[in-house]
Amino acid sequence: MSATHESQNKKILNALYYGATLTPLLALHCYGCMRLGARVWDLRRQGYRIERHMVTDHKTGKRYAAYSMPRGNDAEV
């Protein structure tokens, strides 16, 4: 894993840990991350429990993933 991926993983983990819900567009804008799903996969492999919710944009009808962490002791496996 490259240093850029590790840096993005830390920023994304921090945001999720403190209650943010991240979408691919938000991750691109805030962290320069073009592959949020890959970063979430990295974090899950490290043992973090991250939930995915599918969201439908009511204007366009397009679907996308939104990621969050459960609160409390469920956050880490």
PDB file of N, CA and C in Angstrom:
ATOM      1  N   MET A   1       0.851  -1.175   0.000  1.00  0.00           N
ATOM      2  CA  MET A   1       0.000   0.000   0.000  1.00  0.00           C
ATOM      3  C   MET A   1       0.893   1.234   0.000  1.00  0.00           C
ATOM      4  N   SER A   2       0.529   2.204  -0.810  1.00  0.00           N
ATOM      5  CA  SER A   2       1.369   3.395  -0.923  1.00  0.00           C
ATOM      6  C   SER A   2       1.140   4.345   0.247  1.00  0.00           C
ATOM      7  N   ALA A   3       2.056   5.301   0.400  1.00  0.00           N
ATOM      8  CA  ALA A   3       1.945   6.296   1.470  1.00  0.00           C
ATOM      9  C   ALA A   3       0.688   7.133   1.302  1.00  0.00           C
ATOM     10  N   THR A   4       0.304   7.407   0.056  1.00  0.00           N
ATOM     11  CA  THR A   4      -0.919   8.179  -0.199  1.00  0.00           C
ATOM     12  C   THR A   4      -2.140   7.421   0.301  1.00  0.00           C
ATOM     13  N   HIS A   5      -2.191   6.119   0.037  1.00  0.00           N
ATOM     14  CA  HIS A   5      -3.317   5.309   0.496  1.00  0.00           C
ATOM     15  C   HIS A   5      -3.368   5.277   2.015  1.00  0.00           C
ATOM     16  N   GLU A   6      -2.221   5.143   2.656  1.00  0.00           N
ATOM     17  CA  GLU A   6      -2.180   5.112   4.114  1.00  0.00           C
ATOM     18  C   GLU A   6      -2.669   6.429   4.698  1.00  0.00           C
ATOM     19  N   SER A   7      -2.254   7.535   4.096  1.00  0.00           N
ATOM     20  CA  SER A   7      -2.679   8.852   4.548  1.00  0.00           C
ATOM     21  C   SER A   7      -4.189   9.020   4.374  1.00  0.00           C
ATOM     22  N   GLN A   8      -4.699   8.604   3.221  1.00  0.00           N
ATOM     23  CA  GLN A   8      -6.138   8.680   2.991  1.00  0.00           C
ATOM     24  C   GLN A   8      -6.883   7.783   3.969  1.00  0.00           C
ATOM     25  N   ASN A   9      -6.361   6.586   4.215  1.00  0.00           N
ATOM     26  CA  ASN A   9      -7.002   5.671   5.162  1.00  0.00           C
ATOM     27  C   ASN A   9      -7.117   6.311   6.543  1.00  0.00           C
ATOM     28  N   LYS A  10      -6.058   6.965   7.004  1.00  0.00           N
ATOM     29  CA  LYS A  10      -6.084   7.608   8.322  1.00  0.00           C
ATOM     30  C   LYS A  10      -7.123   8.715   8.382  1.00  0.00           C
ATOM     31  N   LYS A  11      -7.184   9.538   7.340  1.00  0.00           N
ATOM     32  CA  LYS A  11      -8.148  10.641   7.309  1.00  0.00           C
ATOM     33  C   LYS A  11      -9.577  10.118   7.251  1.00  0.00           C
ATOM     34  N   ILE A  12      -9.795   9.108   6.435  1.00  0.00           N
ATOM     35  CA  ILE A  12     -11.133   8.531   6.295  1.00  0.00           C
ATOM     36  C   ILE A  12     -11.546   7.842   7.592  1.00  0.00           C
ATOM     37  N   LEU A  13     -10.648   7.076   8.191  1.00  0.00           N
ATOM     38  CA  LEU A  13     -10.946   6.418   9.458  1.00  0.00           C
ATOM     39  C   LEU A  13     -11.286   7.440  10.538  1.00  0.00           C
ATOM     40  N   ASN A  14     -10.533   8.515  10.604  1.00  0.00           N
ATOM     41  CA  ASN A  14     -10.789   9.552  11.592  1.00  0.00           C
ATOM     42  C   ASN A  14     -12.181  10.162  11.398  1.00  0.00           C
ATOM     43  N   ALA A  15     -12.528  10.461  10.165  1.00  0.00           N
ATOM     44  CA  ALA A  15     -13.844  11.037   9.890  1.00  0.00           C
ATOM     45  C   ALA A  15     -14.958  10.069  10.269  1.00  0.00           C
ATOM     46  N   LEU A  16     -14.820   8.807   9.883  1.00  0.00           N
ATOM     47  CA  LEU A  16     -15.841   7.808  10.206  1.00  0.00           C
ATOM     48  C   LEU A  16     -15.950   7.600  11.709  1.00  0.00           C
ATOM     49  N   TYR A  17     -14.807   7.545  12.379  1.00  0.00           N
ATOM     50  CA  TYR A  17     -14.788   7.318  13.825  1.00  0.00           C
ATOM     51  C   TYR A  17     -15.548   8.410  14.573  1.00  0.00           C
ATOM     52  N   TYR A  18     -15.442   9.638  14.090  1.00  0.00           N
ATOM     53  CA  TYR A  18     -16.108  10.749  14.760  1.00  0.00           C
ATOM     54  C   TYR A  18     -17.505  11.026  14.224  1.00  0.00           C
ATOM     55  N   GLY A  19     -18.075  10.061  13.509  1.00  0.00           N
ATOM     56  CA  GLY A  19     -19.490  10.122  13.172  1.00  0.00           C
ATOM     57  C   GLY A  19     -19.857  10.582  11.779  1.00  0.00           C
ATOM     58  N   ALA A  20     -18.889  10.830  10.919  1.00  0.00           N
ATOM     59  CA  ALA A  20     -19.208  11.275   9.562  1.00  0.00           C
ATOM     60  C   ALA A  20     -19.761  10.113   8.740  1.00  0.00           C
ATOM     61  N   THR A  21     -20.594  10.440   7.794  1.00  0.00           N
ATOM     62  CA  THR A  21     -21.030   9.510   6.763  1.00  0.00           C
ATOM     63  C   THR A  21     -20.383   9.990   5.473  1.00  0.00           C
ATOM     64  N   LEU A  22     -19.606   9.117   4.851  1.00  0.00           N
ATOM     65  CA  LEU A  22     -18.850   9.514   3.659  1.00  0.00           C
ATOM     66  C   LEU A  22     -19.433   8.900   2.399  1.00  0.00           C
ATOM     67  N   THR A  23     -19.480   9.705   1.365  1.00  0.00           N
ATOM     68  CA  THR A  23     -19.866   9.259   0.031  1.00  0.00           C
ATOM     69  C   THR A  23     -18.640   9.424  -0.868  1.00  0.00           C
ATOM     70  N   PRO A  24     -18.628   8.770  -2.016  1.00  0.00           N
ATOM     71  CA  PRO A  24     -17.477   8.929  -2.909  1.00  0.00           C
ATOM     72  C   PRO A  24     -17.206  10.387  -3.294  1.00  0.00           C
ATOM     73  N   LEU A  25     -18.234  11.163  -3.551  1.00  0.00           N
ATOM     74  CA  LEU A  25     -18.032  12.555  -3.934  1.00  0.00           C
ATOM     75  C   LEU A  25     -17.453  13.375  -2.781  1.00  0.00           C
ATOM     76  N   LEU A  26     -17.935  13.136  -1.583  1.00  0.00           N
ATOM     77  CA  LEU A  26     -17.413  13.840  -0.407  1.00  0.00           C
ATOM     78  C   LEU A  26     -15.957  13.455  -0.146  1.00  0.00           C
ATOM     79  N   ALA A  27     -15.636  12.172  -0.291  1.00  0.00           N
ATOM     80  CA  ALA A  27     -14.257  11.713  -0.084  1.00  0.00           C
ATOM     81  C   ALA A  27     -13.315  12.326  -1.125  1.00  0.00           C
ATOM     82  N   LEU A  28     -13.784  12.456  -2.350  1.00  0.00           N
ATOM     83  CA  LEU A  28     -12.971  13.079  -3.389  1.00  0.00           C
ATOM     84  C   LEU A  28     -12.728  14.551  -3.059  1.00  0.00           C
ATOM     85  N   HIS A  29     -13.768  15.245  -2.673  1.00  0.00           N
ATOM     86  CA  HIS A  29     -13.663  16.669  -2.376  1.00  0.00           C
ATOM     87  C   HIS A  29     -12.801  16.930  -1.128  1.00  0.00           C
ATOM     88  N   CYS A  30     -13.022  16.179  -0.059  1.00  0.00           N
ATOM     89  CA  CYS A  30     -12.339  16.443   1.218  1.00  0.00           C
ATOM     90  C   CYS A  30     -10.946  15.832   1.317  1.00  0.00           C
ATOM     91  N   TYR A  31     -10.747  14.637   0.725  1.00  0.00           N
ATOM     92  CA  TYR A  31      -9.512  13.899   0.939  1.00  0.00           C
ATOM     93  C   TYR A  31      -8.756  13.571  -0.340  1.00  0.00           C
ATOM     94  N   GLY A  32      -9.283  13.961  -1.485  1.00  0.00           N
ATOM     95  CA  GLY A  32      -8.634  13.644  -2.752  1.00  0.00           C
ATOM     96  C   GLY A  32      -8.669  12.164  -3.068  1.00  0.00           C
ATOM     97  N   CYS A  33      -9.621  11.465  -2.494  1.00  0.00           N
ATOM     98  CA  CYS A  33      -9.723  10.007  -2.646  1.00  0.00           C
ATOM     99  C   CYS A  33     -10.698   9.683  -3.761  1.00  0.00           C
ATOM    100  N   MET A  34     -10.183   9.091  -4.831  1.00  0.00           N
ATOM    101  CA  MET A  34     -11.031   8.735  -5.965  1.00  0.00           C
ATOM    102  C   MET A  34     -11.615   7.333  -5.841  1.00  0.00           C
ATOM    103  N   ARG A  35     -11.131   6.547  -4.882  1.00  0.00           N
ATOM    104  CA  ARG A  35     -11.592   5.161  -4.719  1.00  0.00           C
ATOM    105  C   ARG A  35     -11.952   4.891  -3.262  1.00  0.00           C
ATOM    106  N   LEU A  36     -13.031   5.504  -2.801  1.00  0.00           N
ATOM    107  CA  LEU A  36     -13.448   5.330  -1.408  1.00  0.00           C
ATOM    108  C   LEU A  36     -13.704   3.868  -1.075  1.00  0.00           C
ATOM    109  N   GLY A  37     -14.315   3.130  -1.986  1.00  0.00           N
ATOM    110  CA  GLY A  37     -14.582   1.716  -1.735  1.00  0.00           C
ATOM    111  C   GLY A  37     -13.309   0.928  -1.448  1.00  0.00           C
ATOM    112  N   ALA A  38     -12.227   1.253  -2.146  1.00  0.00           N
ATOM    113  CA  ALA A  38     -10.947   0.565  -1.923  1.00  0.00           C
ATOM    114  C   ALA A  38     -10.363   0.926  -0.565  1.00  0.00           C
ATOM    115  N   ARG A  39     -10.493   2.177  -0.171  1.00  0.00           N
ATOM    116  CA  ARG A  39      -9.984   2.592   1.139  1.00  0.00           C
ATOM    117  C   ARG A  39     -10.792   1.940   2.252  1.00  0.00           C
ATOM    118  N   VAL A  40     -12.107   1.833   2.075  1.00  0.00           N
ATOM    119  CA  VAL A  40     -12.964   1.155   3.063  1.00  0.00           C
ATOM    120  C   VAL A  40     -12.571  -0.311   3.143  1.00  0.00           C
ATOM    121  N   TRP A  41     -12.273  -0.928   2.019  1.00  0.00           N
ATOM    122  CA  TRP A  41     -11.849  -2.326   2.004  1.00  0.00           C
ATOM    123  C   TRP A  41     -10.555  -2.487   2.816  1.00  0.00           C
ATOM    124  N   ASP A  42      -9.600  -1.559   2.618  1.00  0.00           N
ATOM    125  CA  ASP A  42      -8.358  -1.587   3.406  1.00  0.00           C
ATOM    126  C   ASP A  42      -8.658  -1.530   4.902  1.00  0.00           C
ATOM    127  N   LEU A  43      -9.530  -0.621   5.287  1.00  0.00           N
ATOM    128  CA  LEU A  43      -9.847  -0.444   6.705  1.00  0.00           C
ATOM    129  C   LEU A  43     -10.574  -1.658   7.275  1.00  0.00           C
ATOM    130  N   ARG A  44     -11.448  -2.250   6.492  1.00  0.00           N
ATOM    131  CA  ARG A  44     -12.139  -3.463   6.957  1.00  0.00           C
ATOM    132  C   ARG A  44     -11.135  -4.598   7.162  1.00  0.00           C
ATOM    133  N   ARG A  45     -10.157  -4.704   6.289  1.00  0.00           N
ATOM    134  CA  ARG A  45      -9.122  -5.747   6.439  1.00  0.00           C
ATOM    135  C   ARG A  45      -8.292  -5.531   7.698  1.00  0.00           C
ATOM    136  N   GLN A  46      -8.219  -4.279   8.163  1.00  0.00           N
ATOM    137  CA  GLN A  46      -7.505  -3.973   9.402  1.00  0.00           C
ATOM    138  C   GLN A  46      -8.378  -4.241  10.631  1.00  0.00           C
ATOM    139  N   GLY A  47      -9.635  -4.621  10.423  1.00  0.00           N
ATOM    140  CA  GLY A  47     -10.504  -4.992  11.519  1.00  0.00           C
ATOM    141  C   GLY A  47     -11.573  -3.982  11.893  1.00  0.00           C
ATOM    142  N   TYR A  48     -11.681  -2.894  11.166  1.00  0.00           N
ATOM    143  CA  TYR A  48     -12.693  -1.897  11.489  1.00  0.00           C
ATOM    144  C   TYR A  48     -14.024  -2.279  10.869  1.00  0.00           C
ATOM    145  N   ARG A  49     -15.079  -2.086  11.639  1.00  0.00           N
ATOM    146  CA  ARG A  49     -16.428  -2.377  11.150  1.00  0.00           C
ATOM    147  C   ARG A  49     -16.987  -1.106  10.523  1.00  0.00           C
ATOM    148  N   ILE A  50     -17.174  -1.142   9.241  1.00  0.00           N
ATOM    149  CA  ILE A  50     -17.696   0.000   8.493  1.00  0.00           C
ATOM    150  C   ILE A  50     -18.919  -0.478   7.727  1.00  0.00           C
ATOM    151  N   GLU A  51     -20.007   0.243   7.898  1.00  0.00           N
ATOM    152  CA  GLU A  51     -21.259  -0.132   7.262  1.00  0.00           C
ATOM    153  C   GLU A  51     -21.445   0.632   5.957  1.00  0.00           C
ATOM    154  N   ARG A  52     -22.090  -0.028   5.007  1.00  0.00           N
ATOM    155  CA  ARG A  52     -22.399   0.605   3.727  1.00  0.00           C
ATOM    156  C   ARG A  52     -23.912   0.694   3.589  1.00  0.00           C
ATOM    157  N   HIS A  53     -24.374   1.868   3.196  1.00  0.00           N
ATOM    158  CA  HIS A  53     -25.790   2.094   2.938  1.00  0.00           C
ATOM    159  C   HIS A  53     -25.906   2.599   1.509  1.00  0.00           C
ATOM    160  N   MET A  54     -26.806   2.022   0.748  1.00  0.00           N
ATOM    161  CA  MET A  54     -27.022   2.494  -0.623  1.00  0.00           C
ATOM    162  C   MET A  54     -28.041   3.629  -0.584  1.00  0.00           C
ATOM    163  N   VAL A  55     -27.710   4.714  -1.284  1.00  0.00           N
ATOM    164  CA  VAL A  55     -28.529   5.918  -1.310  1.00  0.00           C
ATOM    165  C   VAL A  55     -28.955   6.176  -2.754  1.00  0.00           C
ATOM    166  N   THR A  56     -30.191   6.610  -2.938  1.00  0.00           N
ATOM    167  CA  THR A  56     -30.681   6.968  -4.269  1.00  0.00           C
ATOM    168  C   THR A  56     -30.877   8.475  -4.329  1.00  0.00           C
ATOM    169  N   ASP A  57     -30.267   9.093  -5.311  1.00  0.00           N
ATOM    170  CA  ASP A  57     -30.445  10.525  -5.545  1.00  0.00           C
ATOM    171  C   ASP A  57     -31.825  10.703  -6.177  1.00  0.00           C
ATOM    172  N   HIS A  58     -32.703  11.432  -5.492  1.00  0.00           N
ATOM    173  CA  HIS A  58     -34.082  11.558  -5.959  1.00  0.00           C
ATOM    174  C   HIS A  58     -34.211  12.402  -7.224  1.00  0.00           C
ATOM    175  N   LYS A  59     -33.233  13.251  -7.509  1.00  0.00           N
ATOM    176  CA  LYS A  59     -33.284  14.077  -8.721  1.00  0.00           C
ATOM    177  C   LYS A  59     -32.880  13.285  -9.958  1.00  0.00           C
ATOM    178  N   THR A  60     -31.804  12.498  -9.828  1.00  0.00           N
ATOM    179  CA  THR A  60     -31.268  11.785 -10.993  1.00  0.00           C
ATOM    180  C   THR A  60     -31.632  10.302 -11.013  1.00  0.00           C
ATOM    181  N   GLY A  61     -32.005   9.759  -9.864  1.00  0.00           N
ATOM    182  CA  GLY A  61     -32.306   8.336  -9.775  1.00  0.00           C
ATOM    183  C   GLY A  61     -31.071   7.466  -9.642  1.00  0.00           C
ATOM    184  N   LYS A  62     -29.885   8.074  -9.598  1.00  0.00           N
ATOM    185  CA  LYS A  62     -28.640   7.311  -9.486  1.00  0.00           C
ATOM    186  C   LYS A  62     -28.437   6.853  -8.050  1.00  0.00           C
ATOM    187  N   ARG A  63     -27.782   5.680  -7.926  1.00  0.00           N
ATOM    188  CA  ARG A  63     -27.493   5.109  -6.610  1.00  0.00           C
ATOM    189  C   ARG A  63     -26.007   5.178  -6.326  1.00  0.00           C
ATOM    190  N   TYR A  64     -25.679   5.380  -5.063  1.00  0.00           N
ATOM    191  CA  TYR A  64     -24.280   5.409  -4.645  1.00  0.00           C
ATOM    192  C   TYR A  64     -24.191   4.940  -3.205  1.00  0.00           C
ATOM    193  N   ALA A  65     -22.995   4.558  -2.796  1.00  0.00           N
ATOM    194  CA  ALA A  65     -22.774   4.050  -1.447  1.00  0.00           C
ATOM    195  C   ALA A  65     -22.446   5.196  -0.495  1.00  0.00           C
ATOM    196  N   ALA A  66     -22.917   5.056   0.731  1.00  0.00           N
ATOM    197  CA  ALA A  66     -22.552   5.956   1.819  1.00  0.00           C
ATOM    198  C   ALA A  66     -22.023   5.074   2.947  1.00  0.00           C
ATOM    199  N   TYR A  67     -20.869   5.431   3.494  1.00  0.00           N
ATOM    200  CA  TYR A  67     -20.206   4.615   4.504  1.00  0.00           C
ATOM    201  C   TYR A  67     -20.219   5.318   5.857  1.00  0.00           C
ATOM    202  N   SER A  68     -20.399   4.512   6.915  1.00  0.00           N
ATOM    203  CA  SER A  68     -20.373   5.044   8.280  1.00  0.00           C
ATOM    204  C   SER A  68     -19.893   3.941   9.216  1.00  0.00           C
ATOM    205  N   MET A  69     -19.560   4.338  10.443  1.00  0.00           N
ATOM    206  CA  MET A  69     -19.165   3.374  11.478  1.00  0.00           C
ATOM    207  C   MET A  69     -20.246   3.352  12.542  1.00  0.00           C
ATOM    208  N   PRO A  70     -20.543   2.164  13.053  1.00  0.00           N
ATOM    209  CA  PRO A  70     -21.496   2.112  14.174  1.00  0.00           C
ATOM    210  C   PRO A  70     -20.885   2.771  15.397  1.00  0.00           C
ATOM    211  N   ARG A  71     -21.696   3.327  16.232  1.00  0.00           N
ATOM    212  CA  ARG A  71     -21.220   3.993  17.445  1.00  0.00           C
ATOM    213  C   ARG A  71     -20.953   2.970  18.534  1.00  0.00           C
ATOM    214  N   GLY A  72     -20.082   3.318  19.459  1.00  0.00           N
ATOM    215  CA  GLY A  72     -19.831   2.469  20.628  1.00  0.00           C
ATOM    216  C   GLY A  72     -18.836   1.362  20.366  1.00  0.00           C
ATOM    217  N   ASN A  73     -19.013   0.258  21.073  1.00  0.00           N
ATOM    218  CA  ASN A  73     -18.046  -0.842  21.033  1.00  0.00           C
ATOM    219  C   ASN A  73     -18.107  -1.641  19.750  1.00  0.00           C
ATOM    220  N   ASP A  74     -19.112  -1.414  18.909  1.00  0.00           N
ATOM    221  CA  ASP A  74     -19.239  -2.175  17.660  1.00  0.00           C
ATOM    222  C   ASP A  74     -18.314  -1.665  16.566  1.00  0.00           C
ATOM    223  N   ALA A  75     -17.626  -0.549  16.793  1.00  0.00           N
ATOM    224  CA  ALA A  75     -16.849   0.069  15.730  1.00  0.00           C
ATOM    225  C   ALA A  75     -15.649  -0.771  15.300  1.00  0.00           C
ATOM    226  N   GLU A  76     -15.037  -1.484  16.204  1.00  0.00           N
ATOM    227  CA  GLU A  76     -13.864  -2.284  15.851  1.00  0.00           C
ATOM    228  C   GLU A  76     -14.134  -3.743  16.167  1.00  0.00           C
ATOM    229  N   VAL A  77     -13.785  -4.605  15.234  1.00  0.00           N
ATOM    230  CA  VAL A  77     -14.013  -6.049  15.399  1.00  0.00           C
ATOM    231  C   VAL A  77     -12.957  -6.630  16.308  1.00  0.00           C
TER     232      VAL A  77
END
